Amino acid sequence: MARILVVEDERNLNDLVTQLLRQEGHEVFQAVDGEQGLNAVEAVQPDLVILDWMLPKLDGLVVCRRIREHHVTPIIMLTAKGEEADMILGLEVGADDYVTKPFRNRELLARVRSILRRQDLNREAVSVQTVVAETPKDAGDLTAGPIRINADQRAAFLHDEEIELTPKEFDLLILFVQNPGRAFSRDYLLERVWGDDVFVTDRTVDTHVQRLRKKLGDEADMIRTVWGVGYKLQRDS
């Protein structure tokens, strides 16, 4: 099971989410404001953060940004804000998913399971942890122009400099690099990267692709928009 940090200032809700996750077998830690949340991230090194949008001291967006400066830990945001623009803003600052309050317990748990499954953090499905030794560049790495990916280590490099990607950004990039020139529809990317049990929209794909392009810097135009379809990685010329 995973180490999960719940950052929520409503004590009853914090306790409810914590109880639900502990019943699933997870090790759960609690924080009740933004400052506590940031400190707990450093102390606990969680596998997943469930983060409230509205927090005392530091709000959830600030906390999310600061986590993203140093960590790729998956983040699910809890928000009472129902406007699409607010949800997209949360994704833009680094959240991997969001759940709108009030939410159903099963919905939250489904999203937690989906994220942990993709990150191979669900220990029910992982019996042996393999420590991967450093390997030469040409030993099983995937490459596309200046981009190099070590799939086993879930590490991505641009011009031999490692770039920090969120789990979703990494999953998108490796899919593009494995299939240069192939155009993927938004629906296909949603199904392949987010899964059927996560309720997200086409805008979620656009937001994550935008963030991925930003991290590619001068090579951002390698990921091309295919109008009316979706996205593709440009083949080497």
C-alpha atoms as a PDB file:
ATOM      1  CA  MET A   1       0.000   0.000   0.000  1.00  0.00           C
ATOM      2  CA  ALA A   2       0.983   3.641  -0.322  1.00  0.00           C
ATOM      3  CA  ARG A   3       1.952   6.520   1.948  1.00  0.00           C
ATOM      4  CA  ILE A   4      -0.711   9.198   1.471  1.00  0.00           C
ATOM      5  CA  LEU A   5      -0.788  12.739   2.859  1.00  0.00           C
ATOM      6  CA  VAL A   6      -4.207  14.381   3.360  1.00  0.00           C
ATOM      7  CA  VAL A   7      -4.067  18.184   3.586  1.00  0.00           C
ATOM      8  CA  GLU A   8      -7.552  19.416   4.551  1.00  0.00           C
ATOM      9  CA  ASP A   9      -8.529  22.045   7.148  1.00  0.00           C
ATOM     10  CA  GLU A  10     -12.044  20.677   7.722  1.00  0.00           C
ATOM     11  CA  ARG A  11     -11.254  18.245  10.534  1.00  0.00           C
ATOM     12  CA  ASN A  12     -14.289  16.016  10.004  1.00  0.00           C
ATOM     13  CA  LEU A  13     -13.586  15.675   6.281  1.00  0.00           C
ATOM     14  CA  ASN A  14      -9.886  15.128   6.917  1.00  0.00           C
ATOM     15  CA  ASP A  15     -10.709  12.344   9.368  1.00  0.00           C
ATOM     16  CA  LEU A  16     -13.263  10.815   6.978  1.00  0.00           C
ATOM     17  CA  VAL A  17     -10.819  10.689   4.047  1.00  0.00           C
ATOM     18  CA  THR A  18      -8.094   9.359   6.342  1.00  0.00           C
ATOM     19  CA  GLN A  19     -10.388   6.594   7.607  1.00  0.00           C
ATOM     20  CA  LEU A  20     -11.411   5.620   4.070  1.00  0.00           C
ATOM     21  CA  LEU A  21      -7.791   5.356   2.961  1.00  0.00           C
ATOM     22  CA  ARG A  22      -6.705   3.433   6.039  1.00  0.00           C
ATOM     23  CA  GLN A  23      -9.500   0.949   5.413  1.00  0.00           C
ATOM     24  CA  GLU A  24      -7.903   0.414   2.016  1.00  0.00           C
ATOM     25  CA  GLY A  25      -4.671  -0.449   3.806  1.00  0.00           C
ATOM     26  CA  HIS A  26      -2.755   2.775   3.160  1.00  0.00           C
ATOM     27  CA  GLU A  27      -0.480   4.575   5.597  1.00  0.00           C
ATOM     28  CA  VAL A  28      -2.086   8.003   5.979  1.00  0.00           C
ATOM     29  CA  PHE A  29      -0.703  11.268   7.360  1.00  0.00           C
ATOM     30  CA  GLN A  30      -2.722  14.417   8.078  1.00  0.00           C
ATOM     31  CA  ALA A  31      -2.148  18.169   7.839  1.00  0.00           C
ATOM     32  CA  VAL A  32      -4.683  20.943   8.446  1.00  0.00           C
ATOM     33  CA  ASP A  33      -3.122  23.973   6.747  1.00  0.00           C
ATOM     34  CA  GLY A  34      -0.810  24.797   3.858  1.00  0.00           C
ATOM     35  CA  GLU A  35       2.347  25.221   5.916  1.00  0.00           C
ATOM     36  CA  GLN A  36       1.813  21.900   7.694  1.00  0.00           C
ATOM     37  CA  GLY A  37       1.200  20.293   4.329  1.00  0.00           C
ATOM     38  CA  LEU A  38       4.494  21.491   2.844  1.00  0.00           C
ATOM     39  CA  ASN A  39       6.425  20.440   5.939  1.00  0.00           C
ATOM     40  CA  ALA A  40       4.761  17.022   5.867  1.00  0.00           C
ATOM     41  CA  VAL A  41       5.687  16.503   2.215  1.00  0.00           C
ATOM     42  CA  GLU A  42       9.351  16.894   3.111  1.00  0.00           C
ATOM     43  CA  ALA A  43       9.117  14.799   6.285  1.00  0.00           C
ATOM     44  CA  VAL A  44       6.900  11.985   5.009  1.00  0.00           C
ATOM     45  CA  GLN A  45       7.860  11.801   1.300  1.00  0.00           C
ATOM     46  CA  PRO A  46       4.350  10.569   0.407  1.00  0.00           C
ATOM     47  CA  ASP A  47       3.432   8.555  -2.659  1.00  0.00           C
ATOM     48  CA  LEU A  48       0.296  10.679  -3.125  1.00  0.00           C
ATOM     49  CA  VAL A  49      -1.002  14.007  -1.781  1.00  0.00           C
ATOM     50  CA  ILE A  50      -4.710  14.751  -1.433  1.00  0.00           C
ATOM     51  CA  LEU A  51      -4.800  18.541  -1.229  1.00  0.00           C
ATOM     52  CA  ASP A  52      -7.670  20.899  -0.429  1.00  0.00           C
ATOM     53  CA  TRP A  53      -8.003  24.023  -2.568  1.00  0.00           C
ATOM     54  CA  MET A  54      -8.983  26.421   0.237  1.00  0.00           C
ATOM     55  CA  LEU A  55      -6.514  26.196   3.139  1.00  0.00           C
ATOM     56  CA  PRO A  56      -5.420  28.581   5.901  1.00  0.00           C
ATOM     57  CA  LYS A  57      -1.910  30.110   5.853  1.00  0.00           C
ATOM     58  CA  LEU A  58      -1.115  28.892   2.334  1.00  0.00           C
ATOM     59  CA  ASP A  59      -3.858  27.969  -0.107  1.00  0.00           C
ATOM     60  CA  GLY A  60      -3.853  24.763  -2.086  1.00  0.00           C
ATOM     61  CA  LEU A  61      -2.655  26.353  -5.331  1.00  0.00           C
ATOM     62  CA  VAL A  62       0.420  27.809  -3.623  1.00  0.00           C
ATOM     63  CA  VAL A  63       1.119  24.483  -1.924  1.00  0.00           C
ATOM     64  CA  CYS A  64       0.728  22.646  -5.224  1.00  0.00           C
ATOM     65  CA  ARG A  65       3.149  24.997  -6.997  1.00  0.00           C
ATOM     66  CA  ARG A  66       5.749  24.631  -4.252  1.00  0.00           C
ATOM     67  CA  ILE A  67       5.476  20.851  -4.233  1.00  0.00           C
ATOM     68  CA  ARG A  68       6.006  20.845  -7.995  1.00  0.00           C
ATOM     69  CA  GLU A  69       9.219  22.859  -7.648  1.00  0.00           C
ATOM     70  CA  HIS A  70      10.947  19.854  -6.089  1.00  0.00           C
ATOM     71  CA  HIS A  71       8.721  16.764  -6.374  1.00  0.00           C
ATOM     72  CA  VAL A  72       6.776  14.777  -8.950  1.00  0.00           C
ATOM     73  CA  THR A  73       4.487  13.293  -6.303  1.00  0.00           C
ATOM     74  CA  PRO A  74       0.953  12.823  -7.713  1.00  0.00           C
ATOM     75  CA  ILE A  75      -1.557  15.358  -6.362  1.00  0.00           C
ATOM     76  CA  ILE A  76      -5.345  15.100  -6.217  1.00  0.00           C
ATOM     77  CA  MET A  77      -6.990  18.417  -5.412  1.00  0.00           C
ATOM     78  CA  LEU A  78     -10.206  18.634  -3.409  1.00  0.00           C
ATOM     79  CA  THR A  79     -12.199  21.698  -4.381  1.00  0.00           C
ATOM     80  CA  ALA A  80     -15.639  23.166  -3.821  1.00  0.00           C
ATOM     81  CA  LYS A  81     -15.104  25.317  -6.890  1.00  0.00           C
ATOM     82  CA  GLY A  82     -17.203  23.929  -9.705  1.00  0.00           C
ATOM     83  CA  GLU A  83     -16.239  26.227 -12.541  1.00  0.00           C
ATOM     84  CA  GLU A  84     -14.226  24.580 -15.302  1.00  0.00           C
ATOM     85  CA  ALA A  85     -11.727  27.467 -15.310  1.00  0.00           C
ATOM     86  CA  ASP A  86     -10.907  26.824 -11.653  1.00  0.00           C
ATOM     87  CA  MET A  87     -10.427  23.115 -12.281  1.00  0.00           C
ATOM     88  CA  ILE A  88      -8.144  23.804 -15.249  1.00  0.00           C
ATOM     89  CA  LEU A  89      -6.139  26.256 -13.116  1.00  0.00           C
ATOM     90  CA  GLY A  90      -5.513  23.502 -10.587  1.00  0.00           C
ATOM     91  CA  LEU A  91      -4.217  21.215 -13.332  1.00  0.00           C
ATOM     92  CA  GLU A  92      -2.053  23.987 -14.771  1.00  0.00           C
ATOM     93  CA  VAL A  93      -0.190  24.540 -11.506  1.00  0.00           C
ATOM     94  CA  GLY A  94       0.639  20.857 -11.244  1.00  0.00           C
ATOM     95  CA  ALA A  95      -2.289  18.820  -9.928  1.00  0.00           C
ATOM     96  CA  ASP A  96      -2.792  15.428 -11.561  1.00  0.00           C
ATOM     97  CA  ASP A  97      -6.513  15.166 -10.863  1.00  0.00           C
ATOM     98  CA  TYR A  98      -9.284  16.891  -8.933  1.00  0.00           C
ATOM     99  CA  VAL A  99     -12.394  15.881  -7.022  1.00  0.00           C
ATOM    100  CA  THR A 100     -15.216  18.372  -6.504  1.00  0.00           C
ATOM    101  CA  LYS A 101     -16.888  18.594  -3.090  1.00  0.00           C
ATOM    102  CA  PRO A 102     -19.203  17.097  -2.097  1.00  0.00           C
ATOM    103  CA  PHE A 103     -17.881  13.853  -3.511  1.00  0.00           C
ATOM    104  CA  ARG A 104     -18.827  10.210  -3.230  1.00  0.00           C
ATOM    105  CA  ASN A 105     -16.433   8.051  -1.260  1.00  0.00           C
ATOM    106  CA  ARG A 106     -16.249   5.519  -4.081  1.00  0.00           C
ATOM    107  CA  GLU A 107     -15.304   8.239  -6.559  1.00  0.00           C
ATOM    108  CA  LEU A 108     -12.375   9.449  -4.460  1.00  0.00           C
ATOM    109  CA  LEU A 109     -11.148   5.906  -3.842  1.00  0.00           C
ATOM    110  CA  ALA A 110     -11.406   5.077  -7.557  1.00  0.00           C
ATOM    111  CA  ARG A 111      -9.188   8.019  -8.420  1.00  0.00           C
ATOM    112  CA  VAL A 112      -6.675   7.122  -5.734  1.00  0.00           C
ATOM    113  CA  ARG A 113      -6.509   3.528  -6.988  1.00  0.00           C
ATOM    114  CA  SER A 114      -6.116   4.683 -10.587  1.00  0.00           C
ATOM    115  CA  ILE A 115      -3.168   6.956  -9.805  1.00  0.00           C
ATOM    116  CA  LEU A 116      -1.452   4.387  -7.593  1.00  0.00           C
ATOM    117  CA  ARG A 117      -1.966   1.642 -10.154  1.00  0.00           C
ATOM    118  CA  ARG A 118      -0.279   3.686 -12.860  1.00  0.00           C
ATOM    119  CA  GLN A 119       2.621   4.526 -10.571  1.00  0.00           C
ATOM    120  CA  ASP A 120       3.088   0.890  -9.495  1.00  0.00           C
ATOM    121  CA  LEU A 121       2.658   1.991  -5.898  1.00  0.00           C
ATOM    122  CA  ASN A 122      -0.150  -0.391  -5.091  1.00  0.00           C
ATOM    123  CA  ARG A 123       1.827  -3.027  -3.239  1.00  0.00           C
ATOM    124  CA  GLU A 124      -0.880  -5.623  -3.727  1.00  0.00           C
ATOM    125  CA  ALA A 125       0.148  -5.653  -7.362  1.00  0.00           C
ATOM    126  CA  VAL A 126       3.880  -5.380  -6.761  1.00  0.00           C
ATOM    127  CA  SER A 127       5.634  -8.316  -5.098  1.00  0.00           C
ATOM    128  CA  VAL A 128       9.247  -7.447  -5.876  1.00  0.00           C
ATOM    129  CA  GLN A 129      10.914  -4.053  -6.099  1.00  0.00           C
ATOM    130  CA  THR A 130      13.753  -4.051  -8.590  1.00  0.00           C
ATOM    131  CA  VAL A 131      16.617  -1.633  -8.133  1.00  0.00           C
ATOM    132  CA  VAL A 132      17.734  -0.576 -11.587  1.00  0.00           C
ATOM    133  CA  ALA A 133      21.421   0.125 -11.945  1.00  0.00           C
ATOM    134  CA  GLU A 134      22.636   3.017 -14.041  1.00  0.00           C
ATOM    135  CA  THR A 135      22.882   1.864 -17.640  1.00  0.00           C
ATOM    136  CA  PRO A 136      24.550   3.237 -20.749  1.00  0.00           C
ATOM    137  CA  LYS A 137      22.475   5.496 -22.942  1.00  0.00           C
ATOM    138  CA  ASP A 138      22.052   2.865 -25.640  1.00  0.00           C
ATOM    139  CA  ALA A 139      20.971   0.038 -23.303  1.00  0.00           C
ATOM    140  CA  GLY A 140      17.221  -0.039 -23.664  1.00  0.00           C
ATOM    141  CA  ASP A 141      16.644   3.705 -23.650  1.00  0.00           C
ATOM    142  CA  LEU A 142      13.995   5.249 -25.897  1.00  0.00           C
ATOM    143  CA  THR A 143      15.089   8.249 -27.943  1.00  0.00           C
ATOM    144  CA  ALA A 144      13.510  10.828 -30.204  1.00  0.00           C
ATOM    145  CA  GLY A 145      15.877  13.561 -31.320  1.00  0.00           C
ATOM    146  CA  PRO A 146      17.248  15.253 -28.170  1.00  0.00           C
ATOM    147  CA  ILE A 147      14.753  13.412 -25.927  1.00  0.00           C
ATOM    148  CA  ARG A 148      15.874  10.272 -24.123  1.00  0.00           C
ATOM    149  CA  ILE A 149      13.705   8.167 -21.801  1.00  0.00           C
ATOM    150  CA  ASN A 150      14.679   5.396 -19.413  1.00  0.00           C
ATOM    151  CA  ALA A 151      11.373   3.608 -18.954  1.00  0.00           C
ATOM    152  CA  ASP A 152      12.561   1.398 -16.077  1.00  0.00           C
ATOM    153  CA  GLN A 153      13.693   4.374 -14.003  1.00  0.00           C
ATOM    154  CA  ARG A 154      10.831   6.577 -15.258  1.00  0.00           C
ATOM    155  CA  ALA A 155      13.385   9.244 -16.068  1.00  0.00           C
ATOM    156  CA  ALA A 156      13.336  11.642 -19.028  1.00  0.00           C
ATOM    157  CA  PHE A 157      16.262  13.638 -20.397  1.00  0.00           C
ATOM    158  CA  LEU A 158      16.502  16.566 -22.807  1.00  0.00           C
ATOM    159  CA  HIS A 159      19.972  17.097 -24.290  1.00  0.00           C
ATOM    160  CA  ASP A 160      21.208  14.741 -21.533  1.00  0.00           C
ATOM    161  CA  GLU A 161      19.764  16.972 -18.786  1.00  0.00           C
ATOM    162  CA  GLU A 162      17.072  15.287 -16.695  1.00  0.00           C
ATOM    163  CA  ILE A 163      13.702  17.035 -16.758  1.00  0.00           C
ATOM    164  CA  GLU A 164      11.206  16.707 -13.917  1.00  0.00           C
ATOM    165  CA  LEU A 165       7.850  15.487 -15.144  1.00  0.00           C
ATOM    166  CA  THR A 166       4.659  14.686 -13.317  1.00  0.00           C
ATOM    167  CA  PRO A 167       3.433  11.094 -13.712  1.00  0.00           C
ATOM    168  CA  LYS A 168       0.887  12.095 -16.358  1.00  0.00           C
ATOM    169  CA  GLU A 169       3.423  14.171 -18.293  1.00  0.00           C
ATOM    170  CA  PHE A 170       5.832  11.231 -18.285  1.00  0.00           C
ATOM    171  CA  ASP A 171       3.132   8.828 -19.487  1.00  0.00           C
ATOM    172  CA  LEU A 172       2.234  11.208 -22.315  1.00  0.00           C
ATOM    173  CA  LEU A 173       5.849  11.722 -23.346  1.00  0.00           C
ATOM    174  CA  ILE A 174       6.747   8.036 -23.403  1.00  0.00           C
ATOM    175  CA  LEU A 175       3.645   7.296 -25.491  1.00  0.00           C
ATOM    176  CA  PHE A 176       4.663   9.975 -28.017  1.00  0.00           C
ATOM    177  CA  VAL A 177       8.304   8.851 -28.117  1.00  0.00           C
ATOM    178  CA  GLN A 178       7.299   5.219 -28.649  1.00  0.00           C
ATOM    179  CA  ASN A 179       5.083   6.247 -31.582  1.00  0.00           C
ATOM    180  CA  PRO A 180       6.751   9.106 -33.509  1.00  0.00           C
ATOM    181  CA  GLY A 181       4.563  10.543 -36.233  1.00  0.00           C
ATOM    182  CA  ARG A 182       1.404   8.849 -34.996  1.00  0.00           C
ATOM    183  CA  ALA A 183      -1.486  11.209 -34.262  1.00  0.00           C
ATOM    184  CA  PHE A 184      -3.365  10.425 -31.054  1.00  0.00           C
ATOM    185  CA  SER A 185      -6.887  11.662 -30.433  1.00  0.00           C
ATOM    186  CA  ARG A 186      -7.708  13.320 -27.119  1.00  0.00           C
ATOM    187  CA  ASP A 187     -10.145  10.503 -26.347  1.00  0.00           C
ATOM    188  CA  TYR A 188      -7.427   7.902 -26.874  1.00  0.00           C
ATOM    189  CA  LEU A 189      -4.988   9.804 -24.648  1.00  0.00           C
ATOM    190  CA  LEU A 190      -7.625  10.126 -21.924  1.00  0.00           C
ATOM    191  CA  GLU A 191      -8.312   6.395 -22.009  1.00  0.00           C
ATOM    192  CA  ARG A 192      -4.656   5.354 -22.241  1.00  0.00           C
ATOM    193  CA  VAL A 193      -3.126   7.767 -19.698  1.00  0.00           C
ATOM    194  CA  TRP A 194      -5.977   8.568 -17.314  1.00  0.00           C
ATOM    195  CA  GLY A 195      -8.054   5.402 -17.574  1.00  0.00           C
ATOM    196  CA  ASP A 196     -11.768   4.768 -17.709  1.00  0.00           C
ATOM    197  CA  ASP A 197     -12.375   5.301 -13.992  1.00  0.00           C
ATOM    198  CA  VAL A 198     -11.151   8.905 -13.845  1.00  0.00           C
ATOM    199  CA  PHE A 199     -13.612  11.665 -14.749  1.00  0.00           C
ATOM    200  CA  VAL A 200     -11.635  14.206 -16.739  1.00  0.00           C
ATOM    201  CA  THR A 201     -12.238  16.190 -19.921  1.00  0.00           C
ATOM    202  CA  ASP A 202     -10.500  16.925 -23.217  1.00  0.00           C
ATOM    203  CA  ARG A 203      -9.208  20.129 -21.655  1.00  0.00           C
ATOM    204  CA  THR A 204      -7.235  18.012 -19.203  1.00  0.00           C
ATOM    205  CA  VAL A 205      -5.216  16.581 -22.102  1.00  0.00           C
ATOM    206  CA  ASP A 206      -4.639  20.046 -23.564  1.00  0.00           C
ATOM    207  CA  THR A 207      -3.449  21.384 -20.215  1.00  0.00           C
ATOM    208  CA  HIS A 208      -0.992  18.549 -19.645  1.00  0.00           C
ATOM    209  CA  VAL A 209       0.363  18.767 -23.193  1.00  0.00           C
ATOM    210  CA  GLN A 210       0.844  22.516 -22.695  1.00  0.00           C
ATOM    211  CA  ARG A 211       2.793  21.865 -19.490  1.00  0.00           C
ATOM    212  CA  LEU A 212       4.865  19.159 -21.192  1.00  0.00           C
ATOM    213  CA  ARG A 213       5.738  21.500 -24.056  1.00  0.00           C
ATOM    214  CA  LYS A 214       6.826  24.174 -21.593  1.00  0.00           C
ATOM    215  CA  LYS A 215       9.242  21.747 -19.961  1.00  0.00           C
ATOM    216  CA  LEU A 216      10.680  20.837 -23.366  1.00  0.00           C
ATOM    217  CA  GLY A 217      11.678  24.475 -23.800  1.00  0.00           C
ATOM    218  CA  ASP A 218      13.188  25.164 -27.239  1.00  0.00           C
ATOM    219  CA  GLU A 219      12.114  21.681 -28.359  1.00  0.00           C
ATOM    220  CA  ALA A 220       8.438  22.293 -27.538  1.00  0.00           C
ATOM    221  CA  ASP A 221       7.433  22.221 -31.200  1.00  0.00           C
ATOM    222  CA  MET A 222       8.358  18.544 -31.368  1.00  0.00           C
ATOM    223  CA  ILE A 223       4.857  17.889 -30.016  1.00  0.00           C
ATOM    224  CA  ARG A 224       2.563  19.045 -32.797  1.00  0.00           C
ATOM    225  CA  THR A 225      -1.144  19.774 -32.696  1.00  0.00           C
ATOM    226  CA  VAL A 226      -3.090  17.821 -35.296  1.00  0.00           C
ATOM    227  CA  TRP A 227      -6.145  19.989 -35.822  1.00  0.00           C
ATOM    228  CA  GLY A 228      -9.410  18.162 -35.403  1.00  0.00           C
ATOM    229  CA  VAL A 229      -7.625  15.098 -34.010  1.00  0.00           C
ATOM    230  CA  GLY A 230      -5.186  15.632 -31.139  1.00  0.00           C
ATOM    231  CA  TYR A 231      -1.392  15.505 -30.880  1.00  0.00           C
ATOM    232  CA  LYS A 232       1.663  13.746 -32.272  1.00  0.00           C
ATOM    233  CA  LEU A 233       5.428  13.749 -31.874  1.00  0.00           C
ATOM    234  CA  GLN A 234       7.098  15.085 -34.983  1.00  0.00           C
ATOM    235  CA  ARG A 235       9.329  12.539 -36.707  1.00  0.00           C
ATOM    236  CA  ASP A 236      12.997  13.376 -37.112  1.00  0.00           C
ATOM    237  CA  SER A 237      13.541  15.068 -40.445  1.00  0.00           C
END
